[in-house]
Full PDB file with SEQRES, HELIX, SHEET, SSBOND, CRYST1, ORIGX, SCALE, CONECT and MASTER records, all heavy atoms in Angstrom:
SEQRES   1 A   37  LYS ALA GLN MET ALA ALA ASP GLU MET VAL SER TYR PHE          
SEQRES   2 A   37  LEU ASP SER ASP VAL PRO GLU TRP ASP PHE GLN ALA ILE          
SEQRES   3 A   37  SER ALA ASP THR THR PHE TYR VAL ASN GLU ASN                  
HELIX    1 AA1 ALA A    2  ALA A    6  1                                   5    
HELIX    2 AA2 PRO A   19  TRP A   21  5                                   3    
CRYST1    1.000    1.000    1.000  90.00  90.00  90.00 P 1           1          
ORIGX1      1.000000  0.000000  0.000000        0.00000                         
ORIGX2      0.000000  1.000000  0.000000        0.00000                         
ORIGX3      0.000000  0.000000  1.000000        0.00000                         
SCALE1      1.000000  0.000000  0.000000        0.00000                         
SCALE2      0.000000  1.000000  0.000000        0.00000                         
SCALE3      0.000000  0.000000  1.000000        0.00000                         
ATOM      1  N   LYS A   1      20.762  78.753 -35.315  1.00  0.00           N  
ATOM      2  CA  LYS A   1      20.129  77.461 -35.570  1.00  0.00           C  
ATOM      3  C   LYS A   1      21.157  76.425 -36.014  1.00  0.00           C  
ATOM      4  O   LYS A   1      21.122  75.264 -35.569  1.00  0.00           O  
ATOM      5  CB  LYS A   1      19.035  77.614 -36.624  1.00  0.00           C  
ATOM      6  CG  LYS A   1      17.829  78.410 -36.152  1.00  0.00           C  
ATOM      7  CD  LYS A   1      16.815  78.615 -37.285  1.00  0.00           C  
ATOM      8  CE  LYS A   1      15.625  79.437 -36.816  1.00  0.00           C  
ATOM      9  NZ  LYS A   1      14.653  79.687 -37.916  1.00  0.00           N  
ATOM     10  N   ALA A   2      22.078  76.836 -36.882  1.00  0.00           N  
ATOM     11  CA  ALA A   2      23.098  75.915 -37.373  1.00  0.00           C  
ATOM     12  C   ALA A   2      24.020  75.464 -36.243  1.00  0.00           C  
ATOM     13  O   ALA A   2      24.377  74.275 -36.151  1.00  0.00           O  
ATOM     14  CB  ALA A   2      23.905  76.575 -38.488  1.00  0.00           C  
ATOM     15  N   GLN A   3      24.401  76.377 -35.370  1.00  0.00           N  
ATOM     16  CA  GLN A   3      25.276  76.024 -34.257  1.00  0.00           C  
ATOM     17  C   GLN A   3      24.586  75.083 -33.275  1.00  0.00           C  
ATOM     18  O   GLN A   3      25.192  74.125 -32.782  1.00  0.00           O  
ATOM     19  CB  GLN A   3      25.734  77.296 -33.525  1.00  0.00           C  
ATOM     20  CG  GLN A   3      26.702  78.149 -34.312  1.00  0.00           C  
ATOM     21  CD  GLN A   3      27.118  79.395 -33.543  1.00  0.00           C  
ATOM     22  OE1 GLN A   3      27.137  79.412 -32.302  1.00  0.00           O  
ATOM     23  NE2 GLN A   3      27.452  80.453 -34.266  1.00  0.00           N  
ATOM     24  N   MET A   4      23.314  75.340 -32.974  1.00  0.00           N  
ATOM     25  CA  MET A   4      22.584  74.480 -32.044  1.00  0.00           C  
ATOM     26  C   MET A   4      22.355  73.092 -32.630  1.00  0.00           C  
ATOM     27  O   MET A   4      22.381  72.092 -31.906  1.00  0.00           O  
ATOM     28  CB  MET A   4      21.253  75.138 -31.659  1.00  0.00           C  
ATOM     29  CG  MET A   4      21.412  76.349 -30.751  1.00  0.00           C  
ATOM     30  SD  MET A   4      19.845  76.969 -30.052  1.00  0.00           S  
ATOM     31  CE  MET A   4      19.076  77.653 -31.528  1.00  0.00           C  
ATOM     32  N   ALA A   5      22.158  73.022 -33.950  1.00  0.00           N  
ATOM     33  CA  ALA A   5      21.974  71.727 -34.595  1.00  0.00           C  
ATOM     34  C   ALA A   5      23.262  70.917 -34.598  1.00  0.00           C  
ATOM     35  O   ALA A   5      23.236  69.684 -34.519  1.00  0.00           O  
ATOM     36  CB  ALA A   5      21.478  71.925 -36.024  1.00  0.00           C  
ATOM     37  N   ALA A   6      24.394  71.605 -34.659  1.00  0.00           N  
ATOM     38  CA  ALA A   6      25.687  70.929 -34.726  1.00  0.00           C  
ATOM     39  C   ALA A   6      26.239  70.539 -33.359  1.00  0.00           C  
ATOM     40  O   ALA A   6      27.051  69.622 -33.251  1.00  0.00           O  
ATOM     41  CB  ALA A   6      26.698  71.814 -35.456  1.00  0.00           C  
ATOM     42  N   ASP A   7      25.815  71.237 -32.299  1.00  0.00           N  
ATOM     43  CA  ASP A   7      26.370  70.993 -30.962  1.00  0.00           C  
ATOM     44  C   ASP A   7      25.269  71.174 -29.917  1.00  0.00           C  
ATOM     45  O   ASP A   7      24.758  72.276 -29.730  1.00  0.00           O  
ATOM     46  CB  ASP A   7      27.518  71.965 -30.694  1.00  0.00           C  
ATOM     47  CG  ASP A   7      28.266  71.674 -29.397  1.00  0.00           C  
ATOM     48  OD1 ASP A   7      27.765  70.886 -28.569  1.00  0.00           O  
ATOM     49  OD2 ASP A   7      29.353  72.256 -29.215  1.00  0.00           O  
ATOM     50  N   GLU A   8      24.919  70.101 -29.231  1.00  0.00           N  
ATOM     51  CA  GLU A   8      23.837  70.167 -28.250  1.00  0.00           C  
ATOM     52  C   GLU A   8      24.189  71.009 -27.037  1.00  0.00           C  
ATOM     53  O   GLU A   8      23.310  71.403 -26.271  1.00  0.00           O  
ATOM     54  CB  GLU A   8      23.451  68.761 -27.801  1.00  0.00           C  
ATOM     55  CG  GLU A   8      24.570  68.002 -27.090  1.00  0.00           C  
ATOM     56  CD  GLU A   8      24.151  66.608 -26.671  1.00  0.00           C  
ATOM     57  OE1 GLU A   8      23.074  66.157 -27.086  1.00  0.00           O  
ATOM     58  OE2 GLU A   8      24.924  65.982 -25.911  1.00  0.00           O  
ATOM     59  N   MET A   9      25.467  71.324 -26.855  1.00  0.00           N  
ATOM     60  CA  MET A   9      25.882  72.174 -25.735  1.00  0.00           C  
ATOM     61  C   MET A   9      25.699  73.653 -26.050  1.00  0.00           C  
ATOM     62  O   MET A   9      25.786  74.493 -25.158  1.00  0.00           O  
ATOM     63  CB  MET A   9      27.355  71.912 -25.392  1.00  0.00           C  
ATOM     64  CG  MET A   9      27.620  70.512 -24.867  1.00  0.00           C  
ATOM     65  SD  MET A   9      26.636  70.156 -23.376  1.00  0.00           S  
ATOM     66  CE  MET A   9      27.352  71.329 -22.227  1.00  0.00           C  
ATOM     67  N   VAL A  10      25.460  73.971 -27.304  1.00  0.00           N  
ATOM     68  CA  VAL A  10      25.238  75.366 -27.698  1.00  0.00           C  
ATOM     69  C   VAL A  10      23.757  75.690 -27.562  1.00  0.00           C  
ATOM     70  O   VAL A  10      22.898  74.927 -28.025  1.00  0.00           O  
ATOM     71  CB  VAL A  10      25.705  75.610 -29.144  1.00  0.00           C  
ATOM     72  CG1 VAL A  10      25.322  77.023 -29.599  1.00  0.00           C  
ATOM     73  CG2 VAL A  10      27.215  75.407 -29.254  1.00  0.00           C  
ATOM     74  N   SER A  11      23.476  76.816 -26.949  1.00  0.00           N  
ATOM     75  CA  SER A  11      22.075  77.206 -26.740  1.00  0.00           C  
ATOM     76  C   SER A  11      21.904  78.707 -26.896  1.00  0.00           C  
ATOM     77  O   SER A  11      22.731  79.490 -26.411  1.00  0.00           O  
ATOM     78  CB  SER A  11      21.620  76.781 -25.339  1.00  0.00           C  
ATOM     79  OG  SER A  11      20.288  77.190 -25.109  1.00  0.00           O  
ATOM     80  N   TYR A  12      20.842  79.093 -27.604  1.00  0.00           N  
ATOM     81  CA  TYR A  12      20.508  80.502 -27.764  1.00  0.00           C  
ATOM     82  C   TYR A  12      19.034  80.711 -27.431  1.00  0.00           C  
ATOM     83  O   TYR A  12      18.239  79.758 -27.466  1.00  0.00           O  
ATOM     84  CB  TYR A  12      20.778  80.973 -29.197  1.00  0.00           C  
ATOM     85  CG  TYR A  12      22.233  80.979 -29.567  1.00  0.00           C  
ATOM     86  CD1 TYR A  12      22.760  80.012 -30.425  1.00  0.00           C  
ATOM     87  CD2 TYR A  12      23.090  81.950 -29.064  1.00  0.00           C  
ATOM     88  CE1 TYR A  12      24.109  80.013 -30.767  1.00  0.00           C  
ATOM     89  CE2 TYR A  12      24.439  81.961 -29.405  1.00  0.00           C  
ATOM     90  CZ  TYR A  12      24.936  80.992 -30.252  1.00  0.00           C  
ATOM     91  OH  TYR A  12      26.267  80.987 -30.568  1.00  0.00           O  
ATOM     92  N   PHE A  13      18.684  81.942 -27.115  1.00  0.00           N  
ATOM     93  CA  PHE A  13      17.286  82.281 -26.863  1.00  0.00           C  
ATOM     94  C   PHE A  13      16.586  82.441 -28.214  1.00  0.00           C  
ATOM     95  O   PHE A  13      16.434  83.542 -28.740  1.00  0.00           O  
ATOM     96  CB  PHE A  13      17.177  83.574 -26.055  1.00  0.00           C  
ATOM     97  CG  PHE A  13      17.853  83.500 -24.702  1.00  0.00           C  
ATOM     98  CD1 PHE A  13      18.474  84.618 -24.161  1.00  0.00           C  
ATOM     99  CD2 PHE A  13      17.858  82.329 -23.970  1.00  0.00           C  
ATOM    100  CE1 PHE A  13      19.084  84.570 -22.923  1.00  0.00           C  
ATOM    101  CE2 PHE A  13      18.471  82.265 -22.724  1.00  0.00           C  
ATOM    102  CZ  PHE A  13      19.096  83.380 -22.199  1.00  0.00           C  
ATOM    103  N   LEU A  14      16.176  81.332 -28.773  1.00  0.00           N  
ATOM    104  CA  LEU A  14      15.567  81.339 -30.101  1.00  0.00           C  
ATOM    105  C   LEU A  14      14.592  80.170 -30.194  1.00  0.00           C  
ATOM    106  O   LEU A  14      14.935  79.040 -29.827  1.00  0.00           O  
ATOM    107  CB  LEU A  14      16.650  81.202 -31.181  1.00  0.00           C  
ATOM    108  CG  LEU A  14      16.199  81.389 -32.624  1.00  0.00           C  
ATOM    109  CD1 LEU A  14      15.822  82.844 -32.871  1.00  0.00           C  
ATOM    110  CD2 LEU A  14      17.313  80.958 -33.585  1.00  0.00           C  
ATOM    111  N   ASP A  15      13.361  80.463 -30.659  1.00  0.00           N  
ATOM    112  CA  ASP A  15      12.318  79.431 -30.795  1.00  0.00           C  
ATOM    113  C   ASP A  15      12.125  78.651 -29.499  1.00  0.00           C  
ATOM    114  O   ASP A  15      11.980  77.422 -29.491  1.00  0.00           O  
ATOM    115  CB  ASP A  15      12.681  78.457 -31.929  1.00  0.00           C  
ATOM    116  CG  ASP A  15      12.798  79.147 -33.278  1.00  0.00           C  
ATOM    117  OD1 ASP A  15      12.119  80.170 -33.472  1.00  0.00           O  
ATOM    118  OD2 ASP A  15      13.566  78.659 -34.126  1.00  0.00           O  
ATOM    119  N   SER A  16      12.124  79.371 -28.385  1.00  0.00           N  
ATOM    120  CA  SER A  16      12.017  78.732 -27.075  1.00  0.00           C  
ATOM    121  C   SER A  16      10.564  78.697 -26.595  1.00  0.00           C  
ATOM    122  O   SER A  16       9.645  79.164 -27.287  1.00  0.00           O  
ATOM    123  CB  SER A  16      12.868  79.487 -26.055  1.00  0.00           C  
ATOM    124  OG  SER A  16      12.270  80.740 -25.736  1.00  0.00           O  
ATOM    125  N   ASP A  17      10.380  78.166 -25.389  1.00  0.00           N  
ATOM    126  CA  ASP A  17       9.044  78.113 -24.788  1.00  0.00           C  
ATOM    127  C   ASP A  17       8.629  79.461 -24.211  1.00  0.00           C  
ATOM    128  O   ASP A  17       7.491  79.620 -23.754  1.00  0.00           O  
ATOM    129  CB  ASP A  17       9.020  77.050 -23.679  1.00  0.00           C  
ATOM    130  CG  ASP A  17       9.237  75.647 -24.228  1.00  0.00           C  
ATOM    131  OD1 ASP A  17       8.909  75.426 -25.400  1.00  0.00           O  
ATOM    132  OD2 ASP A  17       9.755  74.797 -23.480  1.00  0.00           O  
ATOM    133  N   VAL A  18       9.563  80.400 -24.203  1.00  0.00           N  
ATOM    134  CA  VAL A  18       9.261  81.750 -23.696  1.00  0.00           C  
ATOM    135  C   VAL A  18       9.594  82.740 -24.831  1.00  0.00           C  
ATOM    136  O   VAL A  18      10.669  83.355 -24.846  1.00  0.00           O  
ATOM    137  CB  VAL A  18      10.081  82.077 -22.440  1.00  0.00           C  
ATOM    138  CG1 VAL A  18       9.595  83.394 -21.816  1.00  0.00           C  
ATOM    139  CG2 VAL A  18      10.024  80.946 -21.430  1.00  0.00           C  
ATOM    140  N   PRO A  19       8.695  82.891 -25.787  1.00  0.00           N  
ATOM    141  CA  PRO A  19       8.966  83.717 -26.977  1.00  0.00           C  
ATOM    142  C   PRO A  19       9.408  85.137 -26.669  1.00  0.00           C  
ATOM    143  O   PRO A  19      10.212  85.720 -27.423  1.00  0.00           O  
ATOM    144  CB  PRO A  19       7.631  83.703 -27.723  1.00  0.00           C  
ATOM    145  CG  PRO A  19       6.957  82.454 -27.269  1.00  0.00           C  
ATOM    146  CD  PRO A  19       7.359  82.282 -25.828  1.00  0.00           C  
ATOM    147  N   GLU A  20       8.896  85.718 -25.591  1.00  0.00           N  
ATOM    148  CA  GLU A  20       9.256  87.100 -25.282  1.00  0.00           C  
ATOM    149  C   GLU A  20      10.732  87.247 -24.904  1.00  0.00           C  
ATOM    150  O   GLU A  20      11.266  88.352 -24.883  1.00  0.00           O  
ATOM    151  CB  GLU A  20       8.366  87.669 -24.173  1.00  0.00           C  
ATOM    152  CG  GLU A  20       8.397  86.904 -22.867  1.00  0.00           C  
ATOM    153  CD  GLU A  20       7.308  85.835 -22.786  1.00  0.00           C  
ATOM    154  OE1 GLU A  20       6.901  85.327 -23.845  1.00  0.00           O  
ATOM    155  OE2 GLU A  20       6.877  85.536 -21.656  1.00  0.00           O  
ATOM    156  N   TRP A  21      11.384  86.140 -24.556  1.00  0.00           N  
ATOM    157  CA  TRP A  21      12.808  86.177 -24.245  1.00  0.00           C  
ATOM    158  C   TRP A  21      13.667  85.944 -25.487  1.00  0.00           C  
ATOM    159  O   TRP A  21      14.866  86.159 -25.467  1.00  0.00           O  
ATOM    160  CB  TRP A  21      13.167  85.111 -23.207  1.00  0.00           C  
ATOM    161  CG  TRP A  21      12.633  85.398 -21.831  1.00  0.00           C  
ATOM    162  CD1 TRP A  21      11.877  86.465 -21.438  1.00  0.00           C  
ATOM    163  CD2 TRP A  21      12.823  84.588 -20.665  1.00  0.00           C  
ATOM    164  NE1 TRP A  21      11.562  86.374 -20.102  1.00  0.00           N  
ATOM    165  CE2 TRP A  21      12.138  85.233 -19.598  1.00  0.00           C  
ATOM    166  CE3 TRP A  21      13.477  83.383 -20.420  1.00  0.00           C  
ATOM    167  CZ2 TRP A  21      12.104  84.713 -18.310  1.00  0.00           C  
ATOM    168  CZ3 TRP A  21      13.459  82.864 -19.128  1.00  0.00           C  
ATOM    169  CH2 TRP A  21      12.781  83.524 -18.077  1.00  0.00           C  
ATOM    170  N   ASP A  22      13.065  85.487 -26.553  1.00  0.00           N  
ATOM    171  CA  ASP A  22      13.826  85.101 -27.737  1.00  0.00           C  
ATOM    172  C   ASP A  22      14.452  86.301 -28.433  1.00  0.00           C  
ATOM    173  O   ASP A  22      13.914  87.413 -28.404  1.00  0.00           O  
ATOM    174  CB  ASP A  22      12.930  84.359 -28.733  1.00  0.00           C  
ATOM    175  CG  ASP A  22      12.598  82.951 -28.281  1.00  0.00           C  
ATOM    176  OD1 ASP A  22      13.180  82.503 -27.273  1.00  0.00           O  
ATOM    177  OD2 ASP A  22      11.748  82.306 -28.924  1.00  0.00           O  
ATOM    178  N   PHE A  23      15.570  86.023 -29.083  1.00  0.00           N  
ATOM    179  CA  PHE A  23      16.217  87.052 -29.891  1.00  0.00           C  
ATOM    180  C   PHE A  23      15.324  87.387 -31.090  1.00  0.00           C  
ATOM    181  O   PHE A  23      14.896  86.501 -31.826  1.00  0.00           O  
ATOM    182  CB  PHE A  23      17.583  86.554 -30.383  1.00  0.00           C  
ATOM    183  CG  PHE A  23      18.201  87.419 -31.435  1.00  0.00           C  
ATOM    184  CD1 PHE A  23      18.667  88.695 -31.125  1.00  0.00           C  
ATOM    185  CD2 PHE A  23      18.320  86.977 -32.753  1.00  0.00           C  
ATOM    186  CE1 PHE A  23      19.243  89.504 -32.105  1.00  0.00           C  
ATOM    187  CE2 PHE A  23      18.896  87.773 -33.727  1.00  0.00           C  
ATOM    188  CZ  PHE A  23      19.357  89.031 -33.411  1.00  0.00           C  
ATOM    189  N   GLN A  24      15.062  88.680 -31.268  1.00  0.00           N  
ATOM    190  CA  GLN A  24      14.223  89.137 -32.380  1.00  0.00           C  
ATOM    191  C   GLN A  24      15.052  89.832 -33.462  1.00  0.00           C  
ATOM    192  O   GLN A  24      14.968  89.491 -34.639  1.00  0.00           O  
ATOM    193  CB  GLN A  24      13.143  90.093 -31.858  1.00  0.00           C  
ATOM    194  CG  GLN A  24      12.238  89.494 -30.796  1.00  0.00           C  
ATOM    195  CD  GLN A  24      11.431  88.316 -31.307  1.00  0.00           C  
ATOM    196  OE1 GLN A  24      11.077  88.255 -32.487  1.00  0.00           O  
ATOM    197  NE2 GLN A  24      11.121  87.358 -30.421  1.00  0.00           N  
ATOM    198  N   ALA A  25      15.833  90.812 -33.034  1.00  0.00           N  
ATOM    199  CA  ALA A  25      16.613  91.577 -34.019  1.00  0.00           C  
ATOM    200  C   ALA A  25      17.673  92.404 -33.307  1.00  0.00           C  
ATOM    201  O   ALA A  25      17.561  92.701 -32.110  1.00  0.00           O  
ATOM    202  CB  ALA A  25      15.699  92.495 -34.828  1.00  0.00           C  
ATOM    203  N   ILE A  26      18.704  92.775 -34.050  1.00  0.00           N  
ATOM    204  CA  ILE A  26      19.700  93.706 -33.534  1.00  0.00           C  
ATOM    205  C   ILE A  26      19.093  95.108 -33.526  1.00  0.00           C  
ATOM    206  O   ILE A  26      17.960  95.308 -33.969  1.00  0.00           O  
ATOM    207  CB  ILE A  26      20.969  93.690 -34.396  1.00  0.00           C  
ATOM    208  CG1 ILE A  26      20.638  94.137 -35.836  1.00  0.00           C  
ATOM    209  CG2 ILE A  26      21.614  92.320 -34.384  1.00  0.00           C  
ATOM    210  CD1 ILE A  26      21.855  94.406 -36.693  1.00  0.00           C  
ATOM    211  N   SER A  27      19.846  96.070 -33.047  1.00  0.00           N  
ATOM    212  CA  SER A  27      19.409  97.467 -33.064  1.00  0.00           C  
ATOM    213  C   SER A  27      20.561  98.345 -33.537  1.00  0.00           C  
ATOM    214  O   SER A  27      21.680  97.863 -33.751  1.00  0.00           O  
ATOM    215  CB  SER A  27      18.968  97.913 -31.664  1.00  0.00           C  
ATOM    216  OG  SER A  27      20.092  98.035 -30.807  1.00  0.00           O  
ATOM    217  N   ALA A  28      20.282  99.613 -33.670  1.00  0.00           N  
ATOM    218  CA  ALA A  28      21.330 100.552 -34.100  1.00  0.00           C  
ATOM    219  C   ALA A  28      22.434 100.672 -33.059  1.00  0.00           C  
ATOM    220  O   ALA A  28      23.543 101.126 -33.364  1.00  0.00           O  
ATOM    221  CB  ALA A  28      20.719 101.923 -34.377  1.00  0.00           C  
ATOM    222  N   ASP A  29      22.140 100.261 -31.809  1.00  0.00           N  
ATOM    223  CA  ASP A  29      23.119 100.352 -30.723  1.00  0.00           C  
ATOM    224  C   ASP A  29      23.845  99.041 -30.468  1.00  0.00           C  
ATOM    225  O   ASP A  29      24.649  98.950 -29.535  1.00  0.00           O  
ATOM    226  CB  ASP A  29      22.424 100.795 -29.430  1.00  0.00           C  
ATOM    227  CG  ASP A  29      21.806 102.175 -29.552  1.00  0.00           C  
ATOM    228  OD1 ASP A  29      22.428 103.044 -30.197  1.00  0.00           O  
ATOM    229  OD2 ASP A  29      20.715 102.390 -29.000  1.00  0.00           O  
ATOM    230  N   THR A  30      23.568  98.026 -31.246  1.00  0.00           N  
ATOM    231  CA  THR A  30      24.208  96.733 -31.046  1.00  0.00           C  
ATOM    232  C   THR A  30      25.729  96.861 -31.189  1.00  0.00           C  
ATOM    233  O   THR A  30      26.228  97.553 -32.070  1.00  0.00           O  
ATOM    234  CB  THR A  30      23.669  95.703 -32.059  1.00  0.00           C  
ATOM    235  OG1 THR A  30      22.289  95.456 -31.776  1.00  0.00           O  
ATOM    236  CG2 THR A  30      24.432  94.389 -31.965  1.00  0.00           C  
ATOM    237  N   THR A  31      26.449  96.164 -30.314  1.00  0.00           N  
ATOM    238  CA  THR A  31      27.910  96.208 -30.330  1.00  0.00           C  
ATOM    239  C   THR A  31      28.442  95.454 -31.549  1.00  0.00           C  
ATOM    240  O   THR A  31      27.935  94.397 -31.910  1.00  0.00           O  
ATOM    241  CB  THR A  31      28.471  95.574 -29.048  1.00  0.00           C  
ATOM    242  OG1 THR A  31      27.940  96.266 -27.910  1.00  0.00           O  
ATOM    243  CG2 THR A  31      29.994  95.660 -29.007  1.00  0.00           C  
ATOM    244  N   PHE A  32      29.489  96.004 -32.157  1.00  0.00           N  
ATOM    245  CA  PHE A  32      30.077  95.383 -33.351  1.00  0.00           C  
ATOM    246  C   PHE A  32      31.535  95.752 -33.466  1.00  0.00           C  
ATOM    247  O   PHE A  32      32.031  96.646 -32.774  1.00  0.00           O  
ATOM    248  CB  PHE A  32      29.348  95.847 -34.612  1.00  0.00           C  
ATOM    249  CG  PHE A  32      29.720  97.257 -35.019  1.00  0.00           C  
ATOM    250  CD1 PHE A  32      30.714  97.498 -35.960  1.00  0.00           C  
ATOM    251  CD2 PHE A  32      29.088  98.355 -34.436  1.00  0.00           C  
ATOM    252  CE1 PHE A  32      31.072  98.797 -36.312  1.00  0.00           C  
ATOM    253  CE2 PHE A  32      29.437  99.651 -34.785  1.00  0.00           C  
ATOM    254  CZ  PHE A  32      30.436  99.871 -35.731  1.00  0.00           C  
ATOM    255  N   TYR A  33      32.230  95.069 -34.342  1.00  0.00           N  
ATOM    256  CA  TYR A  33      33.553  95.504 -34.780  1.00  0.00           C  
ATOM    257  C   TYR A  33      33.827  94.903 -36.150  1.00  0.00           C  
ATOM    258  O   TYR A  33      33.070  94.060 -36.638  1.00  0.00           O  
ATOM    259  CB  TYR A  33      34.648  95.120 -33.777  1.00  0.00           C  
ATOM    260  CG  TYR A  33      34.916  93.636 -33.620  1.00  0.00           C  
ATOM    261  CD1 TYR A  33      35.889  92.988 -34.374  1.00  0.00           C  
ATOM    262  CD2 TYR A  33      34.209  92.883 -32.678  1.00  0.00           C  
ATOM    263  CE1 TYR A  33      36.150  91.636 -34.215  1.00  0.00           C  
ATOM    264  CE2 TYR A  33      34.460  91.534 -32.511  1.00  0.00           C  
ATOM    265  CZ  TYR A  33      35.437  90.909 -33.287  1.00  0.00           C  
ATOM    266  OH  TYR A  33      35.680  89.571 -33.123  1.00  0.00           O  
ATOM    267  N   VAL A  34      34.886  95.374 -36.794  1.00  0.00           N  
ATOM    268  CA  VAL A  34      35.322  94.832 -38.077  1.00  0.00           C  
ATOM    269  C   VAL A  34      36.620  94.078 -37.819  1.00  0.00           C  
ATOM    270  O   VAL A  34      37.589  94.663 -37.312  1.00  0.00           O  
ATOM    271  CB  VAL A  34      35.530  95.943 -39.125  1.00  0.00           C  
ATOM    272  CG1 VAL A  34      36.094  95.352 -40.417  1.00  0.00           C  
ATOM    273  CG2 VAL A  34      34.215  96.667 -39.389  1.00  0.00           C  
ATOM    274  N   ASN A  35      36.639  92.772 -38.134  1.00  0.00           N  
ATOM    275  CA  ASN A  35      37.806  91.970 -37.788  1.00  0.00           C  
ATOM    276  C   ASN A  35      38.935  92.132 -38.801  1.00  0.00           C  
ATOM    277  O   ASN A  35      38.829  92.890 -39.779  1.00  0.00           O  
ATOM    278  CB  ASN A  35      37.426  90.492 -37.596  1.00  0.00           C  
ATOM    279  CG  ASN A  35      36.936  89.825 -38.875  1.00  0.00           C  
ATOM    280  OD1 ASN A  35      37.186  90.290 -39.990  1.00  0.00           O  
ATOM    281  ND2 ASN A  35      36.227  88.715 -38.722  1.00  0.00           N  
ATOM    282  N   GLU A  36      40.025  91.401 -38.579  1.00  0.00           N  
ATOM    283  CA  GLU A  36      41.221  91.566 -39.410  1.00  0.00           C  
ATOM    284  C   GLU A  36      40.998  91.142 -40.858  1.00  0.00           C  
ATOM    285  O   GLU A  36      41.773  91.524 -41.747  1.00  0.00           O  
ATOM    286  CB  GLU A  36      42.372  90.764 -38.810  1.00  0.00           C  
ATOM    287  CG  GLU A  36      42.109  89.288 -38.709  1.00  0.00           C  
ATOM    288  CD  GLU A  36      43.226  88.529 -38.007  1.00  0.00           C  
ATOM    289  OE1 GLU A  36      44.155  89.180 -37.505  1.00  0.00           O  
ATOM    290  OE2 GLU A  36      43.158  87.297 -37.973  1.00  0.00           O  
ATOM    291  N   ASN A  37      39.945  90.377 -41.088  1.00  0.00           N  
ATOM    292  CA  ASN A  37      39.616  89.968 -42.455  1.00  0.00           C  
ATOM    293  C   ASN A  37      38.640  90.927 -43.135  1.00  0.00           C  
ATOM    294  O   ASN A  37      38.173  90.667 -44.244  1.00  0.00           O  
ATOM    295  CB  ASN A  37      39.025  88.554 -42.454  1.00  0.00           C  
ATOM    296  CG  ASN A  37      40.014  87.518 -41.968  1.00  0.00           C  
ATOM    297  OD1 ASN A  37      41.196  87.563 -42.329  1.00  0.00           O  
ATOM    298  ND2 ASN A  37      39.566  86.594 -41.140  1.00  0.00           N  
TER     299      ASN A  37                                                      
MASTER        0    0    0    2    0    0    0    6  298    1    0    3          
END                                                                             
C-alpha cells in the first residue's frame, strides 16, 4: 500500500476489483532469503 501510494507506476494485486486474485497471505513454501544485513 505504501509503495502504490508513493508511485503510481507501482501496482500489486491488492484491494482490486477481482478480490480472488488479490494477495492474501504467504505460505510455508514462500520463497525467502536472509540478506547481508
